[in-house]
Amino acid sequence: MKYSYSLKGHPYDNGRMEAFHSILKHEEVYLKAYETLTQVQAAIGWYINFYNRNRISNVA
């Protein structure tokens, strides 16, 4: 594991994860109404798998 060297309030190394969370919320979470926690966990698990294997990305 590599530790962060940024100072508190300057999360420069966290940008990609923040971007992923934003994409996850806009493309999966906000579009559906879930009834149970199990449905949420399954949908997020499916989306992470989809994001890593099938989603077309513009990131080099």
PDB file of N, CA and C in Angstrom:
ATOM      1  N   MET A   1       0.842  -1.162   0.000  1.00  0.00           N
ATOM      2  CA  MET A   1       0.000   0.000   0.000  1.00  0.00           C
ATOM      3  C   MET A   1       0.892   1.230   0.000  1.00  0.00           C
ATOM      4  N   LYS A   2       0.472   2.221  -0.761  1.00  0.00           N
ATOM      5  CA  LYS A   2       1.205   3.477  -0.836  1.00  0.00           C
ATOM      6  C   LYS A   2       0.437   4.536  -0.058  1.00  0.00           C
ATOM      7  N   TYR A   3       1.123   5.218   0.831  1.00  0.00           N
ATOM      8  CA  TYR A   3       0.480   6.216   1.667  1.00  0.00           C
ATOM      9  C   TYR A   3       0.348   7.548   0.945  1.00  0.00           C
ATOM     10  N   SER A   4      -0.630   8.309   1.357  1.00  0.00           N
ATOM     11  CA  SER A   4      -0.864   9.630   0.801  1.00  0.00           C
ATOM     12  C   SER A   4       0.141  10.624   1.384  1.00  0.00           C
ATOM     13  N   TYR A   5       0.618  11.504   0.541  1.00  0.00           N
ATOM     14  CA  TYR A   5       1.520  12.549   1.006  1.00  0.00           C
ATOM     15  C   TYR A   5       0.888  13.924   0.948  1.00  0.00           C
ATOM     16  N   SER A   6      -0.374  13.980   0.590  1.00  0.00           N
ATOM     17  CA  SER A   6      -1.031  15.279   0.549  1.00  0.00           C
ATOM     18  C   SER A   6      -1.464  15.687   1.953  1.00  0.00           C
ATOM     19  N   LEU A   7      -1.602  16.966   2.158  1.00  0.00           N
ATOM     20  CA  LEU A   7      -2.004  17.491   3.455  1.00  0.00           C
ATOM     21  C   LEU A   7      -3.512  17.440   3.608  1.00  0.00           C
ATOM     22  N   LYS A   8      -3.969  17.563   4.825  1.00  0.00           N
ATOM     23  CA  LYS A   8      -5.399  17.609   5.090  1.00  0.00           C
ATOM     24  C   LYS A   8      -6.017  18.782   4.344  1.00  0.00           C
ATOM     25  N   GLY A   9      -7.117  18.514   3.646  1.00  0.00           N
ATOM     26  CA  GLY A   9      -7.769  19.551   2.870  1.00  0.00           C
ATOM     27  C   GLY A   9      -7.238  19.683   1.445  1.00  0.00           C
ATOM     28  N   HIS A  10      -6.229  18.877   1.092  1.00  0.00           N
ATOM     29  CA  HIS A  10      -5.647  18.892  -0.253  1.00  0.00           C
ATOM     30  C   HIS A  10      -5.546  17.458  -0.785  1.00  0.00           C
ATOM     31  N   PRO A  11      -6.683  16.819  -1.073  1.00  0.00           N
ATOM     32  CA  PRO A  11      -6.663  15.397  -1.462  1.00  0.00           C
ATOM     33  C   PRO A  11      -6.324  15.182  -2.934  1.00  0.00           C
ATOM     34  N   TYR A  12      -5.133  15.583  -3.362  1.00  0.00           N
ATOM     35  CA  TYR A  12      -4.763  15.474  -4.772  1.00  0.00           C
ATOM     36  C   TYR A  12      -4.715  14.024  -5.248  1.00  0.00           C
ATOM     37  N   ASP A  13      -4.326  13.111  -4.394  1.00  0.00           N
ATOM     38  CA  ASP A  13      -4.209  11.715  -4.789  1.00  0.00           C
ATOM     39  C   ASP A  13      -5.558  10.987  -4.773  1.00  0.00           C
ATOM     40  N   ASN A  14      -6.620  11.655  -4.381  1.00  0.00           N
ATOM     41  CA  ASN A  14      -7.932  11.030  -4.258  1.00  0.00           C
ATOM     42  C   ASN A  14      -8.850  11.390  -5.426  1.00  0.00           C
ATOM     43  N   GLY A  15      -8.364  12.103  -6.402  1.00  0.00           N
ATOM     44  CA  GLY A  15      -9.185  12.602  -7.493  1.00  0.00           C
ATOM     45  C   GLY A  15      -9.856  11.529  -8.316  1.00  0.00           C
ATOM     46  N   ARG A  16      -9.140  10.463  -8.639  1.00  0.00           N
ATOM     47  CA  ARG A  16      -9.734   9.401  -9.461  1.00  0.00           C
ATOM     48  C   ARG A  16     -10.843   8.677  -8.718  1.00  0.00           C
ATOM     49  N   MET A  17     -10.669   8.456  -7.431  1.00  0.00           N
ATOM     50  CA  MET A  17     -11.722   7.772  -6.666  1.00  0.00           C
ATOM     51  C   MET A  17     -12.951   8.665  -6.532  1.00  0.00           C
ATOM     52  N   GLU A  18     -12.743   9.954  -6.326  1.00  0.00           N
ATOM     53  CA  GLU A  18     -13.860  10.887  -6.259  1.00  0.00           C
ATOM     54  C   GLU A  18     -14.613  10.916  -7.586  1.00  0.00           C
ATOM     55  N   ALA A  19     -13.873  10.888  -8.700  1.00  0.00           N
ATOM     56  CA  ALA A  19     -14.501  10.866 -10.014  1.00  0.00           C
ATOM     57  C   ALA A  19     -15.308   9.582 -10.201  1.00  0.00           C
ATOM     58  N   PHE A  20     -14.766   8.445  -9.762  1.00  0.00           N
ATOM     59  CA  PHE A  20     -15.497   7.182  -9.875  1.00  0.00           C
ATOM     60  C   PHE A  20     -16.791   7.229  -9.070  1.00  0.00           C
ATOM     61  N   HIS A  21     -16.734   7.745  -7.848  1.00  0.00           N
ATOM     62  CA  HIS A  21     -17.945   7.832  -7.025  1.00  0.00           C
ATOM     63  C   HIS A  21     -19.002   8.698  -7.703  1.00  0.00           C
ATOM     64  N   SER A  22     -18.579   9.777  -8.323  1.00  0.00           N
ATOM     65  CA  SER A  22     -19.519  10.642  -9.027  1.00  0.00           C
ATOM     66  C   SER A  22     -20.170   9.902 -10.195  1.00  0.00           C
ATOM     67  N   ILE A  23     -19.372   9.187 -10.975  1.00  0.00           N
ATOM     68  CA  ILE A  23     -19.898   8.420 -12.106  1.00  0.00           C
ATOM     69  C   ILE A  23     -20.846   7.336 -11.610  1.00  0.00           C
ATOM     70  N   LEU A  24     -20.469   6.617 -10.562  1.00  0.00           N
ATOM     71  CA  LEU A  24     -21.311   5.568  -9.986  1.00  0.00           C
ATOM     72  C   LEU A  24     -22.668   6.124  -9.572  1.00  0.00           C
ATOM     73  N   LYS A  25     -22.668   7.240  -8.891  1.00  0.00           N
ATOM     74  CA  LYS A  25     -23.926   7.833  -8.438  1.00  0.00           C
ATOM     75  C   LYS A  25     -24.794   8.295  -9.606  1.00  0.00           C
ATOM     76  N   HIS A  26     -24.182   8.929 -10.604  1.00  0.00           N
ATOM     77  CA  HIS A  26     -24.962   9.456 -11.722  1.00  0.00           C
ATOM     78  C   HIS A  26     -25.436   8.380 -12.685  1.00  0.00           C
ATOM     79  N   GLU A  27     -24.668   7.310 -12.869  1.00  0.00           N
ATOM     80  CA  GLU A  27     -25.035   6.283 -13.842  1.00  0.00           C
ATOM     81  C   GLU A  27     -25.786   5.102 -13.237  1.00  0.00           C
ATOM     82  N   GLU A  28     -25.772   4.951 -11.919  1.00  0.00           N
ATOM     83  CA  GLU A  28     -26.438   3.794 -11.307  1.00  0.00           C
ATOM     84  C   GLU A  28     -27.370   4.189 -10.162  1.00  0.00           C
ATOM     85  N   VAL A  29     -26.847   4.806  -9.152  1.00  0.00           N
ATOM     86  CA  VAL A  29     -27.589   5.011  -7.909  1.00  0.00           C
ATOM     87  C   VAL A  29     -28.770   5.969  -8.069  1.00  0.00           C
ATOM     88  N   TYR A  30     -28.557   7.121  -8.702  1.00  0.00           N
ATOM     89  CA  TYR A  30     -29.621   8.123  -8.811  1.00  0.00           C
ATOM     90  C   TYR A  30     -30.729   7.717  -9.779  1.00  0.00           C
ATOM     91  N   LEU A  31     -30.489   6.723 -10.619  1.00  0.00           N
ATOM     92  CA  LEU A  31     -31.465   6.333 -11.637  1.00  0.00           C
ATOM     93  C   LEU A  31     -32.475   5.304 -11.152  1.00  0.00           C
ATOM     94  N   LYS A  32     -32.241   4.717  -9.992  1.00  0.00           N
ATOM     95  CA  LYS A  32     -33.102   3.633  -9.521  1.00  0.00           C
ATOM     96  C   LYS A  32     -33.586   3.882  -8.099  1.00  0.00           C
ATOM     97  N   ALA A  33     -34.699   3.246  -7.777  1.00  0.00           N
ATOM     98  CA  ALA A  33     -35.222   3.282  -6.411  1.00  0.00           C
ATOM     99  C   ALA A  33     -35.057   1.880  -5.830  1.00  0.00           C
ATOM    100  N   TYR A  34     -34.229   1.756  -4.839  1.00  0.00           N
ATOM    101  CA  TYR A  34     -33.949   0.460  -4.227  1.00  0.00           C
ATOM    102  C   TYR A  34     -34.852   0.257  -3.012  1.00  0.00           C
ATOM    103  N   GLU A  35     -35.239  -0.976  -2.787  1.00  0.00           N
ATOM    104  CA  GLU A  35     -36.107  -1.280  -1.650  1.00  0.00           C
ATOM    105  C   GLU A  35     -35.346  -1.874  -0.477  1.00  0.00           C
ATOM    106  N   THR A  36     -34.258  -2.566  -0.749  1.00  0.00           N
ATOM    107  CA  THR A  36     -33.497  -3.200   0.328  1.00  0.00           C
ATOM    108  C   THR A  36     -32.007  -2.922   0.162  1.00  0.00           C
ATOM    109  N   LEU A  37     -31.287  -3.090   1.244  1.00  0.00           N
ATOM    110  CA  LEU A  37     -29.838  -2.942   1.215  1.00  0.00           C
ATOM    111  C   LEU A  37     -29.212  -3.997   0.306  1.00  0.00           C
ATOM    112  N   THR A  38     -29.780  -5.177   0.264  1.00  0.00           N
ATOM    113  CA  THR A  38     -29.274  -6.243  -0.596  1.00  0.00           C
ATOM    114  C   THR A  38     -29.342  -5.838  -2.066  1.00  0.00           C
ATOM    115  N   GLN A  39     -30.414  -5.164  -2.456  1.00  0.00           N
ATOM    116  CA  GLN A  39     -30.534  -4.679  -3.833  1.00  0.00           C
ATOM    117  C   GLN A  39     -29.465  -3.626  -4.142  1.00  0.00           C
ATOM    118  N   VAL A  40     -29.208  -2.758  -3.203  1.00  0.00           N
ATOM    119  CA  VAL A  40     -28.181  -1.733  -3.378  1.00  0.00           C
ATOM    120  C   VAL A  40     -26.816  -2.387  -3.540  1.00  0.00           C
ATOM    121  N   GLN A  41     -26.491  -3.333  -2.676  1.00  0.00           N
ATOM    122  CA  GLN A  41     -25.195  -4.002  -2.737  1.00  0.00           C
ATOM    123  C   GLN A  41     -25.022  -4.754  -4.052  1.00  0.00           C
ATOM    124  N   ALA A  42     -26.068  -5.439  -4.505  1.00  0.00           N
ATOM    125  CA  ALA A  42     -26.000  -6.183  -5.763  1.00  0.00           C
ATOM    126  C   ALA A  42     -25.825  -5.231  -6.942  1.00  0.00           C
ATOM    127  N   ALA A  43     -26.553  -4.117  -6.946  1.00  0.00           N
ATOM    128  CA  ALA A  43     -26.467  -3.154  -8.050  1.00  0.00           C
ATOM    129  C   ALA A  43     -25.089  -2.501  -8.105  1.00  0.00           C
ATOM    130  N   ILE A  44     -24.544  -2.140  -6.962  1.00  0.00           N
ATOM    131  CA  ILE A  44     -23.219  -1.520  -6.940  1.00  0.00           C
ATOM    132  C   ILE A  44     -22.154  -2.532  -7.346  1.00  0.00           C
ATOM    133  N   GLY A  45     -22.278  -3.767  -6.880  1.00  0.00           N
ATOM    134  CA  GLY A  45     -21.347  -4.822  -7.296  1.00  0.00           C
ATOM    135  C   GLY A  45     -21.393  -5.050  -8.797  1.00  0.00           C
ATOM    136  N   TRP A  46     -22.603  -5.076  -9.350  1.00  0.00           N
ATOM    137  CA  TRP A  46     -22.753  -5.247 -10.794  1.00  0.00           C
ATOM    138  C   TRP A  46     -22.114  -4.074 -11.531  1.00  0.00           C
ATOM    139  N   TYR A  47     -22.359  -2.853 -11.053  1.00  0.00           N
ATOM    140  CA  TYR A  47     -21.840  -1.675 -11.739  1.00  0.00           C
ATOM    141  C   TYR A  47     -20.314  -1.635 -11.696  1.00  0.00           C
ATOM    142  N   ILE A  48     -19.715  -1.978 -10.582  1.00  0.00           N
ATOM    143  CA  ILE A  48     -18.244  -1.999 -10.496  1.00  0.00           C
ATOM    144  C   ILE A  48     -17.678  -2.993 -11.491  1.00  0.00           C
ATOM    145  N   ASN A  49     -18.293  -4.173 -11.593  1.00  0.00           N
ATOM    146  CA  ASN A  49     -17.859  -5.165 -12.565  1.00  0.00           C
ATOM    147  C   ASN A  49     -18.013  -4.621 -13.990  1.00  0.00           C
ATOM    148  N   PHE A  50     -19.151  -4.023 -14.277  1.00  0.00           N
ATOM    149  CA  PHE A  50     -19.403  -3.423 -15.587  1.00  0.00           C
ATOM    150  C   PHE A  50     -18.389  -2.324 -15.880  1.00  0.00           C
ATOM    151  N   TYR A  51     -18.141  -1.452 -14.922  1.00  0.00           N
ATOM    152  CA  TYR A  51     -17.218  -0.325 -15.089  1.00  0.00           C
ATOM    153  C   TYR A  51     -15.811  -0.814 -15.406  1.00  0.00           C
ATOM    154  N   ASN A  52     -15.381  -1.849 -14.707  1.00  0.00           N
ATOM    155  CA  ASN A  52     -14.018  -2.360 -14.896  1.00  0.00           C
ATOM    156  C   ASN A  52     -13.840  -3.160 -16.173  1.00  0.00           C
ATOM    157  N   ARG A  53     -14.896  -3.792 -16.681  1.00  0.00           N
ATOM    158  CA  ARG A  53     -14.738  -4.700 -17.809  1.00  0.00           C
ATOM    159  C   ARG A  53     -15.364  -4.236 -19.119  1.00  0.00           C
ATOM    160  N   ASN A  54     -16.479  -3.514 -19.076  1.00  0.00           N
ATOM    161  CA  ASN A  54     -17.228  -3.245 -20.292  1.00  0.00           C
ATOM    162  C   ASN A  54     -17.435  -1.785 -20.647  1.00  0.00           C
ATOM    163  N   ARG A  55     -17.405  -0.912 -19.680  1.00  0.00           N
ATOM    164  CA  ARG A  55     -17.728   0.495 -19.935  1.00  0.00           C
ATOM    165  C   ARG A  55     -16.632   1.151 -20.763  1.00  0.00           C
ATOM    166  N   ILE A  56     -17.026   1.880 -21.778  1.00  0.00           N
ATOM    167  CA  ILE A  56     -16.067   2.610 -22.603  1.00  0.00           C
ATOM    168  C   ILE A  56     -15.646   3.841 -21.824  1.00  0.00           C
ATOM    169  N   SER A  57     -14.349   4.014 -21.690  1.00  0.00           N
ATOM    170  CA  SER A  57     -13.808   5.107 -20.898  1.00  0.00           C
ATOM    171  C   SER A  57     -12.938   6.011 -21.753  1.00  0.00           C
ATOM    172  N   ASN A  58     -12.923   7.278 -21.444  1.00  0.00           N
ATOM    173  CA  ASN A  58     -12.062   8.207 -22.165  1.00  0.00           C
ATOM    174  C   ASN A  58     -10.777   8.498 -21.399  1.00  0.00           C
ATOM    175  N   VAL A  59     -10.506   7.726 -20.359  1.00  0.00           N
ATOM    176  CA  VAL A  59      -9.285   7.905 -19.568  1.00  0.00           C
ATOM    177  C   VAL A  59      -8.168   7.112 -20.229  1.00  0.00           C
ATOM    178  N   ALA A  60      -7.041   7.749 -20.433  1.00  0.00           N
ATOM    179  CA  ALA A  60      -5.898   7.094 -21.107  1.00  0.00           C
ATOM    180  C   ALA A  60      -5.153   6.205 -20.154  1.00  0.00           C
TER     181      ALA A  60
END
